Amino acid sequence: MSSYSWLIAAILSTPALLAMLVRPAFAHHPFAMPEAGNLNALQGLISGVGHPLLGPDHLLFLLAIGFVGLNRPRQWLAPLLAAGLLGSAISLLTPLPETLSVYAEALVSLSLLVAGLVALGKASPLLLVPLISLHGYLLGGAIIGAEPTPLTAYFLGLFISQGSILLLVTTYSKRLLDSIGNGGQRIAAGIWIGIGAAFSWSLLIP
């Protein structure tokens, strides 16, 4: 691998390495906002935008889509975004029991491990669709109890945030993979696998 490719791989790895210092955050709203029942429309929008960005496991999963090696990555944009938003909608109809929340969070963390396996050719890329739906389910749980207006604003925020990241990573996926090469892709996959395993371990083994 050229020195340039190693540099790209290092940049790609930076958010994952930083995330190892941060425990995954699931249930709270960003920027110390009130709980769902007390959100106004603007707070709902900001919370929707912020949740996928400030939850390291959610952000890393979205970024992973750029290096897993999808065939025609732009064609995955709409299905992945729709699956994520559908998962959020399902959480409003069937809320997650409190007793299962830690296990659901651990599964979300393990999605990083699966993304790494997809990048290594050890798992099917089709697994990304139900996994992003699971991420959406956990993100949707944060808005349960909100009034219709902030609820709608929250979903708009999720659409903007996740849609922007997915558009970015699917647009530049091929260019990224060409830059880092197979070696860089394997390095990134290994880092994501390690982060996913570490997050899950910290949740299940306090």
Protein backbone atom coordinates (compact mmCIF):
# COMPACT_ATOMS: atom_id res chain seq x y z
CA MET A 1 0.00 0.00 0.00
CA SER A 2 1.35 3.48 -0.86
CA SER A 3 2.01 6.11 1.79
CA TYR A 4 -1.00 8.03 0.49
CA SER A 5 -3.22 5.00 0.96
CA TRP A 6 -1.97 4.51 4.51
CA LEU A 7 -2.83 8.16 5.23
CA ILE A 8 -6.37 7.70 3.91
CA ALA A 9 -6.77 4.55 6.01
CA ALA A 10 -5.57 6.41 9.09
CA ILE A 11 -8.07 9.22 8.51
CA LEU A 12 -10.83 6.65 8.02
CA SER A 13 -9.86 4.97 11.26
CA THR A 14 -9.76 8.11 13.39
CA PRO A 15 -13.48 8.29 14.30
CA ALA A 16 -13.46 4.63 15.28
CA LEU A 17 -10.41 5.06 17.50
CA LEU A 18 -11.93 8.11 19.17
CA ALA A 19 -15.20 6.26 19.67
CA MET A 20 -13.44 3.65 21.76
CA LEU A 21 -13.11 6.33 24.43
CA VAL A 22 -16.84 7.03 24.42
CA ARG A 23 -19.50 4.66 25.74
CA PRO A 24 -22.42 4.32 23.31
CA ALA A 25 -25.31 6.70 24.04
CA PHE A 26 -28.85 5.68 23.19
CA ALA A 27 -31.68 7.03 25.28
CA HIS A 28 -30.89 10.71 25.81
CA HIS A 29 -31.45 13.68 23.54
CA PRO A 30 -28.39 15.59 22.34
CA PHE A 31 -27.31 18.96 23.71
CA ALA A 32 -28.94 18.35 27.12
CA MET A 33 -32.44 18.79 25.70
CA PRO A 34 -35.58 17.88 27.66
CA GLU A 35 -37.22 14.49 27.40
CA ALA A 36 -39.41 13.66 24.41
CA GLY A 37 -42.66 14.80 26.02
CA ASN A 38 -41.27 18.31 26.56
CA LEU A 39 -39.65 18.91 23.17
CA ASN A 40 -40.84 21.69 20.88
CA ALA A 41 -40.63 21.52 17.09
CA LEU A 42 -37.16 23.09 16.80
CA GLN A 43 -35.78 20.89 19.57
CA GLY A 44 -37.30 17.85 17.88
CA LEU A 45 -35.60 18.76 14.60
CA ILE A 46 -32.22 19.34 16.26
CA SER A 47 -32.56 16.12 18.24
CA GLY A 48 -33.34 14.18 15.07
CA VAL A 49 -30.30 15.63 13.32
CA GLY A 50 -28.04 15.11 16.32
CA HIS A 51 -28.88 11.57 17.38
CA PRO A 52 -27.19 9.72 14.48
CA LEU A 53 -24.19 12.06 14.71
CA LEU A 54 -23.60 11.98 18.46
CA GLY A 55 -24.19 8.26 18.99
CA PRO A 56 -20.79 6.79 18.04
CA ASP A 57 -22.19 3.38 17.12
CA HIS A 58 -24.82 4.93 14.82
CA LEU A 59 -22.32 7.24 13.15
CA LEU A 60 -19.69 4.54 12.71
CA PHE A 61 -22.23 2.17 11.15
CA LEU A 62 -23.24 4.81 8.61
CA LEU A 63 -19.60 5.56 7.83
CA ALA A 64 -18.85 1.85 7.46
CA ILE A 65 -21.21 1.68 4.48
CA GLY A 66 -18.60 3.65 2.55
CA PHE A 67 -15.89 1.00 2.82
CA VAL A 68 -17.75 -2.33 2.85
CA GLY A 69 -17.47 -2.56 -0.94
CA LEU A 70 -21.08 -2.32 -2.10
CA ASN A 71 -21.75 -2.96 -5.77
CA ARG A 72 -23.24 0.25 -7.25
CA PRO A 73 -23.33 1.95 -3.83
CA ARG A 74 -25.58 4.85 -4.90
CA GLN A 75 -28.38 2.37 -5.58
CA TRP A 76 -28.29 1.41 -1.90
CA LEU A 77 -29.04 4.96 -0.73
CA ALA A 78 -32.84 4.89 -0.92
CA PRO A 79 -33.33 1.34 0.49
CA LEU A 80 -30.99 1.96 3.41
CA LEU A 81 -32.52 5.33 4.27
CA ALA A 82 -36.04 3.91 3.99
CA ALA A 83 -35.16 0.92 6.17
CA GLY A 84 -33.72 3.18 8.86
CA LEU A 85 -36.77 5.43 8.95
CA LEU A 86 -39.09 2.42 8.90
CA GLY A 87 -37.32 1.03 11.94
CA SER A 88 -37.87 4.34 13.75
CA ALA A 89 -41.57 4.28 12.85
CA ILE A 90 -41.93 0.71 14.12
CA SER A 91 -40.49 1.72 17.48
CA LEU A 92 -43.42 4.11 17.95
CA LEU A 93 -45.93 1.32 17.32
CA THR A 94 -44.06 -1.36 19.28
CA PRO A 95 -41.85 0.25 21.92
CA LEU A 96 -38.90 -1.72 23.20
CA PRO A 97 -39.45 -3.19 26.69
CA GLU A 98 -37.03 -1.72 29.19
CA THR A 99 -35.81 -5.19 30.16
CA LEU A 100 -34.58 -5.77 26.61
CA SER A 101 -32.98 -2.38 25.99
CA VAL A 102 -29.41 -3.38 26.89
CA TYR A 103 -29.57 -6.41 24.58
CA ALA A 104 -30.93 -4.30 21.72
CA GLU A 105 -28.14 -1.79 22.27
CA ALA A 106 -25.60 -4.61 22.23
CA LEU A 107 -27.01 -5.82 18.90
CA VAL A 108 -26.68 -2.31 17.50
CA SER A 109 -23.04 -2.28 18.56
CA LEU A 110 -22.51 -5.70 17.00
CA SER A 111 -23.73 -4.24 13.69
CA LEU A 112 -20.28 -2.60 13.47
CA LEU A 113 -18.74 -6.05 13.67
CA VAL A 114 -21.04 -7.29 10.91
CA ALA A 115 -20.12 -4.29 8.73
CA GLY A 116 -16.48 -5.28 9.14
CA LEU A 117 -17.28 -8.85 8.11
CA VAL A 118 -19.12 -7.55 5.03
CA ALA A 119 -16.02 -5.55 4.10
CA LEU A 120 -13.92 -8.73 4.44
CA GLY A 121 -16.34 -10.68 2.24
CA LYS A 122 -17.42 -12.89 5.14
CA ALA A 123 -21.05 -11.71 5.28
CA SER A 124 -23.67 -10.60 2.76
CA PRO A 125 -24.16 -6.86 2.17
CA LEU A 126 -27.91 -7.50 2.36
CA LEU A 127 -27.49 -7.71 6.14
CA LEU A 128 -26.95 -3.94 6.16
CA VAL A 129 -30.67 -3.37 5.46
CA PRO A 130 -32.12 -5.03 8.58
CA LEU A 131 -29.21 -3.71 10.63
CA ILE A 132 -29.85 -0.09 9.70
CA SER A 133 -33.50 -0.72 10.49
CA LEU A 134 -32.42 -1.87 13.95
CA HIS A 135 -30.45 1.35 14.34
CA GLY A 136 -33.57 3.27 13.32
CA TYR A 137 -35.62 1.36 15.88
CA LEU A 138 -33.33 2.47 18.70
CA LEU A 139 -33.23 6.04 17.39
CA GLY A 140 -37.01 6.14 17.20
CA GLY A 141 -37.33 5.02 20.80
CA ALA A 142 -35.87 8.34 21.95
CA ILE A 143 -38.92 10.28 20.73
CA ILE A 144 -41.67 8.11 22.26
CA GLY A 145 -44.12 10.34 24.13
CA ALA A 146 -43.58 13.44 21.99
CA GLU A 147 -46.43 15.51 20.59
CA PRO A 148 -47.15 15.21 16.83
CA THR A 149 -45.32 18.42 15.82
CA PRO A 150 -41.94 17.70 17.49
CA LEU A 151 -42.35 14.06 16.49
CA THR A 152 -42.64 15.04 12.83
CA ALA A 153 -39.72 17.44 13.22
CA TYR A 154 -37.62 14.66 14.80
CA PHE A 155 -38.25 12.36 11.84
CA LEU A 156 -37.37 15.17 9.47
CA GLY A 157 -34.12 15.62 11.38
CA LEU A 158 -33.36 11.91 11.12
CA PHE A 159 -34.06 12.05 7.39
CA ILE A 160 -31.72 15.02 6.92
CA SER A 161 -28.94 13.62 9.08
CA GLN A 162 -28.94 10.02 7.91
CA GLY A 163 -29.72 10.95 4.32
CA SER A 164 -26.80 13.38 4.15
CA ILE A 165 -24.32 10.87 5.58
CA LEU A 166 -25.55 8.05 3.35
CA LEU A 167 -25.43 10.29 0.29
CA LEU A 168 -21.86 11.24 1.13
CA VAL A 169 -20.57 7.73 1.80
CA THR A 170 -22.32 6.11 -1.17
CA THR A 171 -21.16 8.86 -3.53
CA TYR A 172 -17.51 8.58 -2.53
CA SER A 173 -17.38 4.88 -1.66
CA LYS A 174 -15.65 3.76 -4.85
CA ARG A 175 -13.16 6.64 -4.70
CA LEU A 176 -12.40 5.80 -1.07
CA LEU A 177 -11.81 2.13 -1.79
CA ASP A 178 -9.62 2.95 -4.78
CA SER A 179 -7.55 5.24 -2.55
CA ILE A 180 -7.00 2.92 0.41
CA GLY A 181 -6.78 -0.35 -1.54
CA ASN A 182 -7.49 -3.82 -0.22
CA GLY A 183 -5.05 -3.40 2.64
CA GLY A 184 -6.70 -0.22 3.87
CA GLN A 185 -10.12 -1.81 3.59
CA ARG A 186 -8.99 -4.74 5.73
CA ILE A 187 -7.51 -2.37 8.31
CA ALA A 188 -10.76 -0.39 8.53
CA ALA A 189 -12.78 -3.62 8.75
CA GLY A 190 -10.60 -4.85 11.61
CA ILE A 191 -11.03 -1.58 13.48
CA TRP A 192 -14.81 -1.63 13.09
CA ILE A 193 -14.93 -5.27 14.23
CA GLY A 194 -12.90 -4.39 17.30
CA ILE A 195 -15.04 -1.36 18.13
CA GLY A 196 -18.27 -3.33 17.75
CA ALA A 197 -17.02 -6.12 19.99
CA ALA A 198 -15.75 -3.63 22.59
CA PHE A 199 -19.02 -1.69 22.67
CA SER A 200 -21.06 -4.88 23.04
CA TRP A 201 -18.78 -6.20 25.78
CA SER A 202 -19.07 -2.93 27.74
CA LEU A 203 -22.86 -3.13 27.56
CA LEU A 204 -23.26 -6.78 28.48
CA ILE A 205 -20.40 -7.02 31.00
CA PRO A 206 -20.55 -3.81 33.10
